[in-house]
Structures are given as C-alpha cells and as structure tokens.
Amino acid sequence: MSGVRLFVYGSLKRAGPHHDLLKGAIFLGEVETAAGYALESAGPYLELVALPGAGKVSGELFEISASLLPALDDFEGDAYMRGQVSLSAAPESGPLVAGERGLRRGQGQTALAYFKKAR
C-alpha cells in the first residue's frame, strides 16, 4: 500500500458515521494537533481551521492508501480542502512519529487533514 497519514476529527473517526470511507485504513493512534488549530461547527459537521493563538484539536491518525484520496476529496466536497496539519502527542508525552511499528515518540510530524475552505 502506498500509504499517507490522515488526521480525522469528526465523522471519519472510528465511531463516526462515515468511517467506512476509510476502507483498509490502519489506525495509528489517538493524537492531537499542535497548537494553532480549532474546530468550527458547520451544521452537523465540524470544520478544521488554522487559527493563530488557538489550542489543539483531538482526533485520530490513520495510514490510508493514497488511492482513497480522490474519493475522500469528493466526499468532503467544495467546502473543504486537503492540507497538511502539524501533530503532537497528548500533553507531557512528547510528539508522536509514525514508524514501521505504529507510533513512537520523537520529533513532530505532519499528516493530511481536511480544512474549512476559505469562502
């Protein structure tokens, strides 16, 4: 599998109603973003925004096949754009890095995520 890391924070999480779209995904762990991100409500859904001075957003990290990205782009639609998000671990535990055997402590990392598109 040509894998990419994807950070999810809403309906694509394991308990979310649209998690089935992550066919074959490998769950790497519960993570949070670095500081500077927030979630905004968009009706029944949430939108990730980069916001200087904001806190951290909790979510889940998956390794997915790059071949899933076009279907996820279609699902997210015009209101969202795919981008890079900076991740960290839970407080006081140091940043997480995805390695051959899942997550390990080390330098910070990034993952793909779906952000609110500027309107």
PDB file of N, CA and C in Angstrom:
ATOM      1  N   MET A   1       0.854  -1.179   0.000  1.00  0.00           N
ATOM      2  CA  MET A   1       0.000   0.000   0.000  1.00  0.00           C
ATOM      3  C   MET A   1       0.889   1.227   0.000  1.00  0.00           C
ATOM      4  N   SER A   2       0.657   2.130  -0.943  1.00  0.00           N
ATOM      5  CA  SER A   2       1.316   3.427  -0.945  1.00  0.00           C
ATOM      6  C   SER A   2       0.547   4.283   0.041  1.00  0.00           C
ATOM      7  N   GLY A   3       1.059   4.387   1.266  1.00  0.00           N
ATOM      8  CA  GLY A   3       0.281   4.989   2.332  1.00  0.00           C
ATOM      9  C   GLY A   3       0.599   6.439   2.599  1.00  0.00           C
ATOM     10  N   VAL A   4      -0.412   7.142   3.058  1.00  0.00           N
ATOM     11  CA  VAL A   4      -0.278   8.506   3.539  1.00  0.00           C
ATOM     12  C   VAL A   4      -0.977   8.567   4.893  1.00  0.00           C
ATOM     13  N   ARG A   5      -0.520   9.465   5.744  1.00  0.00           N
ATOM     14  CA  ARG A   5      -1.157   9.638   7.046  1.00  0.00           C
ATOM     15  C   ARG A   5      -2.292  10.651   6.917  1.00  0.00           C
ATOM     16  N   LEU A   6      -3.413  10.326   7.542  1.00  0.00           N
ATOM     17  CA  LEU A   6      -4.587  11.198   7.516  1.00  0.00           C
ATOM     18  C   LEU A   6      -5.065  11.423   8.941  1.00  0.00           C
ATOM     19  N   PHE A   7      -5.200  12.700   9.330  1.00  0.00           N
ATOM     20  CA  PHE A   7      -5.745  13.083  10.623  1.00  0.00           C
ATOM     21  C   PHE A   7      -7.235  13.341  10.444  1.00  0.00           C
ATOM     22  N   VAL A   8      -8.062  12.663  11.238  1.00  0.00           N
ATOM     23  CA  VAL A   8      -9.514  12.866  11.175  1.00  0.00           C
ATOM     24  C   VAL A   8     -10.011  13.316  12.537  1.00  0.00           C
ATOM     25  N   TYR A   9     -11.050  14.149  12.540  1.00  0.00           N
ATOM     26  CA  TYR A   9     -11.517  14.782  13.767  1.00  0.00           C
ATOM     27  C   TYR A   9     -13.033  14.768  13.914  1.00  0.00           C
ATOM     28  N   GLY A  10     -13.741  14.202  12.958  1.00  0.00           N
ATOM     29  CA  GLY A  10     -15.205  14.238  13.001  1.00  0.00           C
ATOM     30  C   GLY A  10     -15.811  12.933  12.532  1.00  0.00           C
ATOM     31  N   SER A  11     -16.619  13.009  11.486  1.00  0.00           N
ATOM     32  CA  SER A  11     -17.417  11.863  11.049  1.00  0.00           C
ATOM     33  C   SER A  11     -16.598  10.709  10.469  1.00  0.00           C
ATOM     34  N   LEU A  12     -15.307  10.920  10.191  1.00  0.00           N
ATOM     35  CA  LEU A  12     -14.455   9.843   9.680  1.00  0.00           C
ATOM     36  C   LEU A  12     -13.752   9.069  10.792  1.00  0.00           C
ATOM     37  N   LYS A  13     -13.900   9.510  12.043  1.00  0.00           N
ATOM     38  CA  LYS A  13     -13.295   8.782  13.166  1.00  0.00           C
ATOM     39  C   LYS A  13     -13.905   7.388  13.277  1.00  0.00           C
ATOM     40  N   ARG A  14     -13.261   6.514  14.022  1.00  0.00           N
ATOM     41  CA  ARG A  14     -13.696   5.117  14.143  1.00  0.00           C
ATOM     42  C   ARG A  14     -15.153   4.990  14.559  1.00  0.00           C
ATOM     43  N   ALA A  15     -15.639   5.848  15.413  1.00  0.00           N
ATOM     44  CA  ALA A  15     -17.037   5.773  15.854  1.00  0.00           C
ATOM     45  C   ALA A  15     -17.950   6.666  15.010  1.00  0.00           C
ATOM     46  N   GLY A  16     -17.402   7.299  13.986  1.00  0.00           N
ATOM     47  CA  GLY A  16     -18.171   8.230  13.168  1.00  0.00           C
ATOM     48  C   GLY A  16     -19.010   7.549  12.106  1.00  0.00           C
ATOM     49  N   PRO A  17     -20.056   8.238  11.658  1.00  0.00           N
ATOM     50  CA  PRO A  17     -20.977   7.643  10.686  1.00  0.00           C
ATOM     51  C   PRO A  17     -20.383   7.426   9.293  1.00  0.00           C
ATOM     52  N   HIS A  18     -19.237   8.054   8.994  1.00  0.00           N
ATOM     53  CA  HIS A  18     -18.647   7.908   7.655  1.00  0.00           C
ATOM     54  C   HIS A  18     -17.284   7.215   7.684  1.00  0.00           C
ATOM     55  N   HIS A  19     -16.983   6.554   8.803  1.00  0.00           N
ATOM     56  CA  HIS A  19     -15.683   5.881   8.921  1.00  0.00           C
ATOM     57  C   HIS A  19     -15.487   4.814   7.843  1.00  0.00           C
ATOM     58  N   ASP A  20     -16.569   4.235   7.356  1.00  0.00           N
ATOM     59  CA  ASP A  20     -16.454   3.191   6.332  1.00  0.00           C
ATOM     60  C   ASP A  20     -15.768   3.686   5.058  1.00  0.00           C
ATOM     61  N   LEU A  21     -15.661   5.002   4.872  1.00  0.00           N
ATOM     62  CA  LEU A  21     -14.960   5.538   3.703  1.00  0.00           C
ATOM     63  C   LEU A  21     -13.445   5.302   3.783  1.00  0.00           C
ATOM     64  N   LEU A  22     -12.954   4.984   4.968  1.00  0.00           N
ATOM     65  CA  LEU A  22     -11.526   4.735   5.145  1.00  0.00           C
ATOM     66  C   LEU A  22     -11.211   3.244   4.985  1.00  0.00           C
ATOM     67  N   LYS A  23     -11.689   2.663   3.898  1.00  0.00           N
ATOM     68  CA  LYS A  23     -11.507   1.231   3.632  1.00  0.00           C
ATOM     69  C   LYS A  23     -10.036   0.837   3.700  1.00  0.00           C
ATOM     70  N   GLY A  24      -9.730  -0.157   4.527  1.00  0.00           N
ATOM     71  CA  GLY A  24      -8.369  -0.667   4.614  1.00  0.00           C
ATOM     72  C   GLY A  24      -7.411   0.215   5.395  1.00  0.00           C
ATOM     73  N   ALA A  25      -7.909   1.271   6.031  1.00  0.00           N
ATOM     74  CA  ALA A  25      -7.038   2.170   6.791  1.00  0.00           C
ATOM     75  C   ALA A  25      -6.455   1.460   7.996  1.00  0.00           C
ATOM     76  N   ILE A  26      -5.253   1.853   8.356  1.00  0.00           N
ATOM     77  CA  ILE A  26      -4.596   1.330   9.545  1.00  0.00           C
ATOM     78  C   ILE A  26      -4.642   2.416  10.614  1.00  0.00           C
ATOM     79  N   PHE A  27      -5.269   2.101  11.747  1.00  0.00           N
ATOM     80  CA  PHE A  27      -5.367   3.052  12.855  1.00  0.00           C
ATOM     81  C   PHE A  27      -3.999   3.138  13.523  1.00  0.00           C
ATOM     82  N   LEU A  28      -3.448   4.370  13.595  1.00  0.00           N
ATOM     83  CA  LEU A  28      -2.136   4.564  14.200  1.00  0.00           C
ATOM     84  C   LEU A  28      -2.220   5.084  15.629  1.00  0.00           C
ATOM     85  N   GLY A  29      -3.346   5.692  15.992  1.00  0.00           N
ATOM     86  CA  GLY A  29      -3.483   6.155  17.367  1.00  0.00           C
ATOM     87  C   GLY A  29      -4.313   7.414  17.480  1.00  0.00           C
ATOM     88  N   GLU A  30      -4.652   7.712  18.724  1.00  0.00           N
ATOM     89  CA  GLU A  30      -5.334   8.967  19.031  1.00  0.00           C
ATOM     90  C   GLU A  30      -4.259  10.024  19.198  1.00  0.00           C
ATOM     91  N   VAL A  31      -4.431  11.152  18.534  1.00  0.00           N
ATOM     92  CA  VAL A  31      -3.444  12.225  18.542  1.00  0.00           C
ATOM     93  C   VAL A  31      -4.163  13.562  18.657  1.00  0.00           C
ATOM     94  N   GLU A  32      -3.376  14.592  18.769  1.00  0.00           N
ATOM     95  CA  GLU A  32      -3.937  15.938  18.697  1.00  0.00           C
ATOM     96  C   GLU A  32      -3.007  16.788  17.853  1.00  0.00           C
ATOM     97  N   THR A  33      -3.561  17.872  17.359  1.00  0.00           N
ATOM     98  CA  THR A  33      -2.753  18.778  16.566  1.00  0.00           C
ATOM     99  C   THR A  33      -1.796  19.527  17.471  1.00  0.00           C
ATOM    100  N   ALA A  34      -0.824  20.159  16.870  1.00  0.00           N
ATOM    101  CA  ALA A  34      -0.022  21.134  17.592  1.00  0.00           C
ATOM    102  C   ALA A  34      -0.946  22.315  17.890  1.00  0.00           C
ATOM    103  N   ALA A  35      -0.516  23.255  18.688  1.00  0.00           N
ATOM    104  CA  ALA A  35      -1.321  24.444  18.963  1.00  0.00           C
ATOM    105  C   ALA A  35      -1.514  25.235  17.664  1.00  0.00           C
ATOM    106  N   GLY A  36      -2.627  25.938  17.585  1.00  0.00           N
ATOM    107  CA  GLY A  36      -2.883  26.786  16.426  1.00  0.00           C
ATOM    108  C   GLY A  36      -4.001  26.294  15.533  1.00  0.00           C
ATOM    109  N   TYR A  37      -4.832  25.377  16.044  1.00  0.00           N
ATOM    110  CA  TYR A  37      -5.956  24.840  15.276  1.00  0.00           C
ATOM    111  C   TYR A  37      -7.222  24.872  16.127  1.00  0.00           C
ATOM    112  N   ALA A  38      -8.362  24.938  15.455  1.00  0.00           N
ATOM    113  CA  ALA A  38      -9.653  24.921  16.146  1.00  0.00           C
ATOM    114  C   ALA A  38     -10.675  24.242  15.254  1.00  0.00           C
ATOM    115  N   LEU A  39     -11.786  23.845  15.850  1.00  0.00           N
ATOM    116  CA  LEU A  39     -12.915  23.284  15.107  1.00  0.00           C
ATOM    117  C   LEU A  39     -14.056  24.288  15.135  1.00  0.00           C
ATOM    118  N   GLU A  40     -14.685  24.478  13.979  1.00  0.00           N
ATOM    119  CA  GLU A  40     -15.875  25.316  13.870  1.00  0.00           C
ATOM    120  C   GLU A  40     -17.041  24.427  13.474  1.00  0.00           C
ATOM    121  N   SER A  41     -18.213  24.761  13.961  1.00  0.00           N
ATOM    122  CA  SER A  41     -19.411  23.997  13.639  1.00  0.00           C
ATOM    123  C   SER A  41     -19.938  24.410  12.272  1.00  0.00           C
ATOM    124  N   ALA A  42     -20.317  23.413  11.489  1.00  0.00           N
ATOM    125  CA  ALA A  42     -20.941  23.643  10.178  1.00  0.00           C
ATOM    126  C   ALA A  42     -22.165  22.736  10.118  1.00  0.00           C
ATOM    127  N   GLY A  43     -23.210  23.124  10.826  1.00  0.00           N
ATOM    128  CA  GLY A  43     -24.384  22.267  10.917  1.00  0.00           C
ATOM    129  C   GLY A  43     -24.027  21.017  11.691  1.00  0.00           C
ATOM    130  N   PRO A  44     -24.285  19.840  11.125  1.00  0.00           N
ATOM    131  CA  PRO A  44     -23.985  18.600  11.845  1.00  0.00           C
ATOM    132  C   PRO A  44     -22.504  18.200  11.784  1.00  0.00           C
ATOM    133  N   TYR A  45     -21.701  18.956  11.040  1.00  0.00           N
ATOM    134  CA  TYR A  45     -20.292  18.602  10.850  1.00  0.00           C
ATOM    135  C   TYR A  45     -19.375  19.627  11.484  1.00  0.00           C
ATOM    136  N   LEU A  46     -18.108  19.270  11.573  1.00  0.00           N
ATOM    137  CA  LEU A  46     -17.080  20.153  12.107  1.00  0.00           C
ATOM    138  C   LEU A  46     -16.118  20.527  10.990  1.00  0.00           C
ATOM    139  N   GLU A  47     -15.529  21.714  11.113  1.00  0.00           N
ATOM    140  CA  GLU A  47     -14.545  22.179  10.142  1.00  0.00           C
ATOM    141  C   GLU A  47     -13.264  22.545  10.881  1.00  0.00           C
ATOM    142  N   LEU A  48     -12.143  22.017  10.411  1.00  0.00           N
ATOM    143  CA  LEU A  48     -10.840  22.319  10.980  1.00  0.00           C
ATOM    144  C   LEU A  48     -10.330  23.617  10.380  1.00  0.00           C
ATOM    145  N   VAL A  49      -9.852  24.521  11.241  1.00  0.00           N
ATOM    146  CA  VAL A  49      -9.278  25.780  10.777  1.00  0.00           C
ATOM    147  C   VAL A  49      -7.937  25.995  11.469  1.00  0.00           C
ATOM    148  N   ALA A  50      -6.994  26.565  10.724  1.00  0.00           N
ATOM    149  CA  ALA A  50      -5.731  27.004  11.311  1.00  0.00           C
ATOM    150  C   ALA A  50      -5.994  28.399  11.862  1.00  0.00           C
ATOM    151  N   LEU A  51      -5.684  28.603  13.134  1.00  0.00           N
ATOM    152  CA  LEU A  51      -6.047  29.845  13.801  1.00  0.00           C
ATOM    153  C   LEU A  51      -4.941  30.202  14.791  1.00  0.00           C
ATOM    154  N   PRO A  52      -4.086  31.177  14.427  1.00  0.00           N
ATOM    155  CA  PRO A  52      -3.007  31.557  15.349  1.00  0.00           C
ATOM    156  C   PRO A  52      -3.564  31.853  16.746  1.00  0.00           C
ATOM    157  N   GLY A  53      -2.887  31.327  17.740  1.00  0.00           N
ATOM    158  CA  GLY A  53      -3.308  31.547  19.117  1.00  0.00           C
ATOM    159  C   GLY A  53      -4.336  30.547  19.619  1.00  0.00           C
ATOM    160  N   ALA A  54      -4.866  29.717  18.731  1.00  0.00           N
ATOM    161  CA  ALA A  54      -5.855  28.709  19.136  1.00  0.00           C
ATOM    162  C   ALA A  54      -5.148  27.547  19.823  1.00  0.00           C
ATOM    163  N   GLY A  55      -5.927  26.636  20.327  1.00  0.00           N
ATOM    164  CA  GLY A  55      -5.402  25.480  21.051  1.00  0.00           C
ATOM    165  C   GLY A  55      -5.115  24.310  20.136  1.00  0.00           C
ATOM    166  N   LYS A  56      -5.392  23.133  20.648  1.00  0.00           N
ATOM    167  CA  LYS A  56      -5.154  21.882  19.938  1.00  0.00           C
ATOM    168  C   LYS A  56      -6.489  21.208  19.662  1.00  0.00           C
ATOM    169  N   VAL A  57      -6.507  20.354  18.651  1.00  0.00           N
ATOM    170  CA  VAL A  57      -7.700  19.598  18.278  1.00  0.00           C
ATOM    171  C   VAL A  57      -7.382  18.118  18.407  1.00  0.00           C
ATOM    172  N   SER A  58      -8.236  17.391  19.102  1.00  0.00           N
ATOM    173  CA  SER A  58      -8.064  15.949  19.255  1.00  0.00           C
ATOM    174  C   SER A  58      -8.648  15.215  18.060  1.00  0.00           C
ATOM    175  N   GLY A  59      -8.026  14.111  17.712  1.00  0.00           N
ATOM    176  CA  GLY A  59      -8.527  13.305  16.610  1.00  0.00           C
ATOM    177  C   GLY A  59      -7.826  11.968  16.555  1.00  0.00           C
ATOM    178  N   GLU A  60      -7.919  11.335  15.406  1.00  0.00           N
ATOM    179  CA  GLU A  60      -7.319  10.022  15.190  1.00  0.00           C
ATOM    180  C   GLU A  60      -6.433  10.069  13.953  1.00  0.00           C
ATOM    181  N   LEU A  61      -5.366   9.295  13.990  1.00  0.00           N
ATOM    182  CA  LEU A  61      -4.417   9.239  12.892  1.00  0.00           C
ATOM    183  C   LEU A  61      -4.485   7.869  12.233  1.00  0.00           C
ATOM    184  N   PHE A  62      -4.615   7.883  10.924  1.00  0.00           N
ATOM    185  CA  PHE A  62      -4.682   6.658  10.137  1.00  0.00           C
ATOM    186  C   PHE A  62      -3.646   6.699   9.033  1.00  0.00           C
ATOM    187  N   GLU A  63      -3.205   5.512   8.636  1.00  0.00           N
ATOM    188  CA  GLU A  63      -2.466   5.379   7.395  1.00  0.00           C
ATOM    189  C   GLU A  63      -3.473   4.843   6.388  1.00  0.00           C
ATOM    190  N   ILE A  64      -3.619   5.560   5.286  1.00  0.00           N
ATOM    191  CA  ILE A  64      -4.566   5.150   4.254  1.00  0.00           C
ATOM    192  C   ILE A  64      -3.837   5.016   2.929  1.00  0.00           C
ATOM    193  N   SER A  65      -4.439   4.310   2.030  1.00  0.00           N
ATOM    194  CA  SER A  65      -3.913   4.209   0.676  1.00  0.00           C
ATOM    195  C   SER A  65      -4.120   5.547  -0.028  1.00  0.00           C
ATOM    196  N   ALA A  66      -3.098   5.999  -0.732  1.00  0.00           N
ATOM    197  CA  ALA A  66      -3.220   7.242  -1.494  1.00  0.00           C
ATOM    198  C   ALA A  66      -4.349   7.152  -2.518  1.00  0.00           C
ATOM    199  N   SER A  67      -4.692   5.942  -2.927  1.00  0.00           N
ATOM    200  CA  SER A  67      -5.772   5.773  -3.908  1.00  0.00           C
ATOM    201  C   SER A  67      -7.139   6.162  -3.339  1.00  0.00           C
ATOM    202  N   LEU A  68      -7.268   6.280  -2.002  1.00  0.00           N
ATOM    203  CA  LEU A  68      -8.539   6.702  -1.386  1.00  0.00           C
ATOM    204  C   LEU A  68      -8.748   8.220  -1.444  1.00  0.00           C
ATOM    205  N   LEU A  69      -7.686   8.976  -1.690  1.00  0.00           N
ATOM    206  CA  LEU A  69      -7.793  10.430  -1.614  1.00  0.00           C
ATOM    207  C   LEU A  69      -8.820  11.034  -2.581  1.00  0.00           C
ATOM    208  N   PRO A  70      -8.905  10.620  -3.834  1.00  0.00           N
ATOM    209  CA  PRO A  70      -9.930  11.205  -4.704  1.00  0.00           C
ATOM    210  C   PRO A  70     -11.354  10.990  -4.177  1.00  0.00           C
ATOM    211  N   ALA A  71     -11.652   9.807  -3.639  1.00  0.00           N
ATOM    212  CA  ALA A  71     -12.987   9.555  -3.092  1.00  0.00           C
ATOM    213  C   ALA A  71     -13.236  10.406  -1.850  1.00  0.00           C
ATOM    214  N   LEU A  72     -12.206  10.583  -1.018  1.00  0.00           N
ATOM    215  CA  LEU A  72     -12.363  11.435   0.163  1.00  0.00           C
ATOM    216  C   LEU A  72     -12.536  12.895  -0.239  1.00  0.00           C
ATOM    217  N   ASP A  73     -11.803  13.330  -1.267  1.00  0.00           N
ATOM    218  CA  ASP A  73     -11.984  14.693  -1.769  1.00  0.00           C
ATOM    219  C   ASP A  73     -13.421  14.902  -2.227  1.00  0.00           C
ATOM    220  N   ASP A  74     -13.972  13.933  -2.947  1.00  0.00           N
ATOM    221  CA  ASP A  74     -15.368  14.025  -3.402  1.00  0.00           C
ATOM    222  C   ASP A  74     -16.324  14.064  -2.224  1.00  0.00           C
ATOM    223  N   PHE A  75     -16.091  13.212  -1.233  1.00  0.00           N
ATOM    224  CA  PHE A  75     -16.953  13.176  -0.053  1.00  0.00           C
ATOM    225  C   PHE A  75     -16.917  14.518   0.680  1.00  0.00           C
ATOM    226  N   GLU A  76     -15.741  15.070   0.884  1.00  0.00           N
ATOM    227  CA  GLU A  76     -15.621  16.333   1.617  1.00  0.00           C
ATOM    228  C   GLU A  76     -16.214  17.499   0.829  1.00  0.00           C
ATOM    229  N   GLY A  77     -16.171  17.440  -0.490  1.00  0.00           N
ATOM    230  CA  GLY A  77     -16.822  18.444  -1.323  1.00  0.00           C
ATOM    231  C   GLY A  77     -16.113  19.786  -1.363  1.00  0.00           C
ATOM    232  N   ASP A  78     -16.847  20.767  -1.883  1.00  0.00           N
ATOM    233  CA  ASP A  78     -16.283  22.094  -2.117  1.00  0.00           C
ATOM    234  C   ASP A  78     -16.040  22.897  -0.848  1.00  0.00           C
ATOM    235  N   ALA A  79     -16.624  22.514   0.262  1.00  0.00           N
ATOM    236  CA  ALA A  79     -16.475  23.276   1.496  1.00  0.00           C
ATOM    237  C   ALA A  79     -15.146  23.002   2.197  1.00  0.00           C
ATOM    238  N   TYR A  80     -14.442  21.946   1.774  1.00  0.00           N
ATOM    239  CA  TYR A  80     -13.204  21.546   2.435  1.00  0.00           C
ATOM    240  C   TYR A  80     -12.063  21.471   1.435  1.00  0.00           C
ATOM    241  N   MET A  81     -10.851  21.655   1.957  1.00  0.00           N
ATOM    242  CA  MET A  81      -9.657  21.458   1.141  1.00  0.00           C
ATOM    243  C   MET A  81      -8.674  20.602   1.934  1.00  0.00           C
ATOM    244  N   ARG A  82      -7.957  19.782   1.224  1.00  0.00           N
ATOM    245  CA  ARG A  82      -6.966  18.911   1.855  1.00  0.00           C
ATOM    246  C   ARG A  82      -5.685  19.701   2.046  1.00  0.00           C
ATOM    247  N   GLY A  83      -5.072  19.564   3.233  1.00  0.00           N
ATOM    248  CA  GLY A  83      -3.817  20.246   3.516  1.00  0.00           C
ATOM    249  C   GLY A  83      -3.039  19.506   4.583  1.00  0.00           C
ATOM    250  N   GLN A  84      -1.914  20.074   4.973  1.00  0.00           N
ATOM    251  CA  GLN A  84      -1.054  19.488   5.990  1.00  0.00           C
ATOM    252  C   GLN A  84      -1.397  20.072   7.355  1.00  0.00           C
ATOM    253  N   VAL A  85      -1.467  19.212   8.360  1.00  0.00           N
ATOM    254  CA  VAL A  85      -1.687  19.640   9.734  1.00  0.00           C
ATOM    255  C   VAL A  85      -0.496  19.159  10.561  1.00  0.00           C
ATOM    256  N   SER A  86      -0.037  20.010  11.477  1.00  0.00           N
ATOM    257  CA  SER A  86       1.045  19.633  12.388  1.00  0.00           C
ATOM    258  C   SER A  86       0.448  18.910  13.582  1.00  0.00           C
ATOM    259  N   LEU A  87       1.045  17.790  13.949  1.00  0.00           N
ATOM    260  CA  LEU A  87       0.531  16.965  15.037  1.00  0.00           C
ATOM    261  C   LEU A  87       1.481  16.968  16.221  1.00  0.00           C
ATOM    262  N   SER A  88       0.920  16.707  17.377  1.00  0.00           N
ATOM    263  CA  SER A  88       1.700  16.476  18.587  1.00  0.00           C
ATOM    264  C   SER A  88       1.007  15.379  19.363  1.00  0.00           C
ATOM    265  N   ALA A  89       1.605  14.961  20.450  1.00  0.00           N
ATOM    266  CA  ALA A  89       1.006  13.926  21.284  1.00  0.00           C
ATOM    267  C   ALA A  89       0.177  14.575  22.375  1.00  0.00           C
ATOM    268  N   ALA A  90      -0.373  13.756  23.221  1.00  0.00           N
ATOM    269  CA  ALA A  90      -1.075  14.266  24.389  1.00  0.00           C
ATOM    270  C   ALA A  90      -0.092  15.084  25.226  1.00  0.00           C
ATOM    271  N   PRO A  91      -0.569  16.024  26.028  1.00  0.00           N
ATOM    272  CA  PRO A  91       0.321  16.866  26.834  1.00  0.00           C
ATOM    273  C   PRO A  91       1.313  16.037  27.647  1.00  0.00           C
ATOM    274  N   GLU A  92       2.533  16.551  27.722  1.00  0.00           N
ATOM    275  CA  GLU A  92       3.618  15.984  28.524  1.00  0.00           C
ATOM    276  C   GLU A  92       4.142  14.648  28.028  1.00  0.00           C
ATOM    277  N   SER A  93       3.696  14.166  26.891  1.00  0.00           N
ATOM    278  CA  SER A  93       4.197  12.876  26.423  1.00  0.00           C
ATOM    279  C   SER A  93       5.079  13.001  25.196  1.00  0.00           C
ATOM    280  N   GLY A  94       5.273  14.209  24.682  1.00  0.00           N
ATOM    281  CA  GLY A  94       6.135  14.409  23.533  1.00  0.00           C
ATOM    282  C   GLY A  94       5.443  14.080  22.235  1.00  0.00           C
ATOM    283  N   PRO A  95       5.975  14.599  21.134  1.00  0.00           N
ATOM    284  CA  PRO A  95       5.344  14.370  19.840  1.00  0.00           C
ATOM    285  C   PRO A  95       5.378  12.913  19.410  1.00  0.00           C
ATOM    286  N   LEU A  96       4.437  12.546  18.562  1.00  0.00           N
ATOM    287  CA  LEU A  96       4.359  11.192  18.026  1.00  0.00           C
ATOM    288  C   LEU A  96       4.872  11.169  16.600  1.00  0.00           C
ATOM    289  N   VAL A  97       5.548  10.102  16.246  1.00  0.00           N
ATOM    290  CA  VAL A  97       6.011   9.895  14.880  1.00  0.00           C
ATOM    291  C   VAL A  97       5.553   8.518  14.442  1.00  0.00           C
ATOM    292  N   ALA A  98       4.955   8.429  13.262  1.00  0.00           N
ATOM    293  CA  ALA A  98       4.550   7.129  12.738  1.00  0.00           C
ATOM    294  C   ALA A  98       5.782   6.431  12.193  1.00  0.00           C
ATOM    295  N   GLY A  99       6.039   5.240  12.687  1.00  0.00           N
ATOM    296  CA  GLY A  99       7.177   4.455  12.236  1.00  0.00           C
ATOM    297  C   GLY A  99       6.694   3.120  11.708  1.00  0.00           C
ATOM    298  N   GLU A 100       7.624   2.231  11.450  1.00  0.00           N
ATOM    299  CA  GLU A 100       7.269   0.927  10.912  1.00  0.00           C
ATOM    300  C   GLU A 100       6.329   0.153  11.822  1.00  0.00           C
ATOM    301  N   ARG A 101       6.386   0.384  13.105  1.00  0.00           N
ATOM    302  CA  ARG A 101       5.555  -0.355  14.057  1.00  0.00           C
ATOM    303  C   ARG A 101       4.567   0.550  14.753  1.00  0.00           C
ATOM    304  N   GLY A 102       3.952   1.435  14.007  1.00  0.00           N
ATOM    305  CA  GLY A 102       2.959   2.320  14.596  1.00  0.00           C
ATOM    306  C   GLY A 102       3.577   3.632  15.016  1.00  0.00           C
ATOM    307  N   LEU A 103       3.166   4.149  16.173  1.00  0.00           N
ATOM    308  CA  LEU A 103       3.622   5.445  16.627  1.00  0.00           C
ATOM    309  C   LEU A 103       4.753   5.304  17.623  1.00  0.00           C
ATOM    310  N   ARG A 104       5.682   6.236  17.566  1.00  0.00           N
ATOM    311  CA  ARG A 104       6.750   6.282  18.558  1.00  0.00           C
ATOM    312  C   ARG A 104       6.976   7.740  18.925  1.00  0.00           C
ATOM    313  N   ARG A 105       7.593   7.962  20.048  1.00  0.00           N
ATOM    314  CA  ARG A 105       7.908   9.315  20.476  1.00  0.00           C
ATOM    315  C   ARG A 105       9.097   9.820  19.672  1.00  0.00           C
ATOM    316  N   GLY A 106       9.103  11.100  19.361  1.00  0.00           N
ATOM    317  CA  GLY A 106      10.205  11.663  18.608  1.00  0.00           C
ATOM    318  C   GLY A 106       9.854  13.065  18.151  1.00  0.00           C
ATOM    319  N   GLN A 107      10.414  13.472  17.057  1.00  0.00           N
ATOM    320  CA  GLN A 107      10.161  14.801  16.512  1.00  0.00           C
ATOM    321  C   GLN A 107       8.716  14.910  16.039  1.00  0.00           C
ATOM    322  N   GLY A 108       8.231  16.129  15.942  1.00  0.00           N
ATOM    323  CA  GLY A 108       6.867  16.359  15.473  1.00  0.00           C
ATOM    324  C   GLY A 108       6.675  15.850  14.061  1.00  0.00           C
ATOM    325  N   GLN A 109       5.433  15.773  13.634  1.00  0.00           N
ATOM    326  CA  GLN A 109       5.133  15.261  12.306  1.00  0.00           C
ATOM    327  C   GLN A 109       3.946  16.006  11.737  1.00  0.00           C
ATOM    328  N   THR A 110       3.698  15.750  10.487  1.00  0.00           N
ATOM    329  CA  THR A 110       2.514  16.285   9.836  1.00  0.00           C
ATOM    330  C   THR A 110       1.701  15.142   9.262  1.00  0.00           C
ATOM    331  N   ALA A 111       0.485  15.447   8.939  1.00  0.00           N
ATOM    332  CA  ALA A 111      -0.414  14.488   8.286  1.00  0.00           C
ATOM    333  C   ALA A 111      -1.342  15.297   7.398  1.00  0.00           C
ATOM    334  N   LEU A 112      -2.021  14.620   6.515  1.00  0.00           N
ATOM    335  CA  LEU A 112      -3.059  15.272   5.739  1.00  0.00           C
ATOM    336  C   LEU A 112      -4.300  15.436   6.604  1.00  0.00           C
ATOM    337  N   ALA A 113      -5.073  16.463   6.328  1.00  0.00           N
ATOM    338  CA  ALA A 113      -6.342  16.692   7.014  1.00  0.00           C
ATOM    339  C   ALA A 113      -7.215  17.524   6.088  1.00  0.00           C
ATOM    340  N   TYR A 114      -8.505  17.525   6.360  1.00  0.00           N
ATOM    341  CA  TYR A 114      -9.431  18.337   5.588  1.00  0.00           C
ATOM    342  C   TYR A 114      -9.787  19.585   6.381  1.00  0.00           C
ATOM    343  N   PHE A 115      -9.484  20.737   5.787  1.00  0.00           N
ATOM    344  CA  PHE A 115      -9.687  22.042   6.391  1.00  0.00           C
ATOM    345  C   PHE A 115     -10.894  22.742   5.789  1.00  0.00           C
ATOM    346  N   LYS A 116     -11.468  23.628   6.556  1.00  0.00           N
ATOM    347  CA  LYS A 116     -12.525  24.514   6.045  1.00  0.00           C
ATOM    348  C   LYS A 116     -11.906  25.355   4.927  1.00  0.00           C
ATOM    349  N   LYS A 117     -12.587  25.398   3.804  1.00  0.00           N
ATOM    350  CA  LYS A 117     -12.116  26.191   2.674  1.00  0.00           C
ATOM    351  C   LYS A 117     -12.506  27.644   2.906  1.00  0.00           C
ATOM    352  N   ALA A 118     -11.570  28.551   2.676  1.00  0.00           N
ATOM    353  CA  ALA A 118     -11.869  29.977   2.805  1.00  0.00           C
ATOM    354  C   ALA A 118     -12.974  30.342   1.814  1.00  0.00           C
ATOM    355  N   ARG A 119     -13.928  31.098   2.268  1.00  0.00           N
ATOM    356  CA  ARG A 119     -15.051  31.473   1.390  1.00  0.00           C
ATOM    357  C   ARG A 119     -14.999  32.934   1.040  1.00  0.00           C
TER     358      ARG A 119
END
